[in-house]
Amino acid sequence: MEGRLAPSVADVAALARPVLVHRMALTLRRGRGAKALAASSTA
């Protein structure tokens, strides 16, 4: 963001994909953890 107070459209576009991939990975990891915990508690 090179010292600007607000991001430019190019800044947002450059970071959108990496941020979304990161958030999706966290969400999927959380979902798998919950399923594993539920499966182990019913066994």
C-alpha atoms as a PDB file:
ATOM      1  CA  MET A   1       0.000   0.000   0.000  1.00  0.00           C
ATOM      2  CA  GLU A   2       3.102   2.105  -0.257  1.00  0.00           C
ATOM      3  CA  GLY A   3       2.322   4.578   2.535  1.00  0.00           C
ATOM      4  CA  ARG A   4      -1.177   5.527   1.353  1.00  0.00           C
ATOM      5  CA  LEU A   5      -3.980   5.926   3.886  1.00  0.00           C
ATOM      6  CA  ALA A   6      -6.342   3.752   1.858  1.00  0.00           C
ATOM      7  CA  PRO A   7      -5.705   0.826  -0.492  1.00  0.00           C
ATOM      8  CA  SER A   8      -6.076   1.252  -4.224  1.00  0.00           C
ATOM      9  CA  VAL A   9      -8.183  -1.002  -6.408  1.00  0.00           C
ATOM     10  CA  ALA A  10      -4.951  -2.655  -7.563  1.00  0.00           C
ATOM     11  CA  ASP A  11      -3.937  -3.333  -3.933  1.00  0.00           C
ATOM     12  CA  VAL A  12      -7.252  -5.028  -3.217  1.00  0.00           C
ATOM     13  CA  ALA A  13      -7.132  -7.021  -6.439  1.00  0.00           C
ATOM     14  CA  ALA A  14      -3.588  -8.187  -5.689  1.00  0.00           C
ATOM     15  CA  LEU A  15      -4.523  -9.459  -2.220  1.00  0.00           C
ATOM     16  CA  ALA A  16      -8.027 -10.810  -2.846  1.00  0.00           C
ATOM     17  CA  ARG A  17      -7.068 -14.295  -4.012  1.00  0.00           C
ATOM     18  CA  PRO A  18      -4.439 -15.043  -1.325  1.00  0.00           C
ATOM     19  CA  VAL A  19      -6.776 -13.813   1.416  1.00  0.00           C
ATOM     20  CA  LEU A  20      -9.724 -15.856   0.147  1.00  0.00           C
ATOM     21  CA  VAL A  21      -7.594 -18.993  -0.232  1.00  0.00           C
ATOM     22  CA  HIS A  22      -6.356 -18.558   3.338  1.00  0.00           C
ATOM     23  CA  ARG A  23      -9.874 -18.091   4.716  1.00  0.00           C
ATOM     24  CA  MET A  24     -11.199 -21.106   2.810  1.00  0.00           C
ATOM     25  CA  ALA A  25      -8.345 -23.266   4.132  1.00  0.00           C
ATOM     26  CA  LEU A  26      -9.156 -22.234   7.705  1.00  0.00           C
ATOM     27  CA  THR A  27     -12.852 -22.909   7.198  1.00  0.00           C
ATOM     28  CA  LEU A  28     -12.254 -26.339   5.675  1.00  0.00           C
ATOM     29  CA  ARG A  29      -9.768 -27.260   8.396  1.00  0.00           C
ATOM     30  CA  ARG A  30     -12.257 -26.222  11.083  1.00  0.00           C
ATOM     31  CA  GLY A  31     -15.005 -28.275   9.420  1.00  0.00           C
ATOM     32  CA  ARG A  32     -12.881 -31.422   9.265  1.00  0.00           C
ATOM     33  CA  GLY A  33     -11.855 -31.008  12.891  1.00  0.00           C
ATOM     34  CA  ALA A  34     -15.466 -30.737  14.012  1.00  0.00           C
ATOM     35  CA  LYS A  35     -16.461 -33.826  12.005  1.00  0.00           C
ATOM     36  CA  ALA A  36     -13.588 -35.843  13.471  1.00  0.00           C
ATOM     37  CA  LEU A  37     -14.519 -34.771  16.986  1.00  0.00           C
ATOM     38  CA  ALA A  38     -18.174 -35.671  16.425  1.00  0.00           C
ATOM     39  CA  ALA A  39     -17.225 -39.073  15.008  1.00  0.00           C
ATOM     40  CA  SER A  40     -14.922 -39.876  17.941  1.00  0.00           C
ATOM     41  CA  SER A  41     -17.503 -38.839  20.521  1.00  0.00           C
ATOM     42  CA  THR A  42     -20.181 -41.137  19.040  1.00  0.00           C
ATOM     43  CA  ALA A  43     -17.886 -44.168  18.776  1.00  0.00           C
END
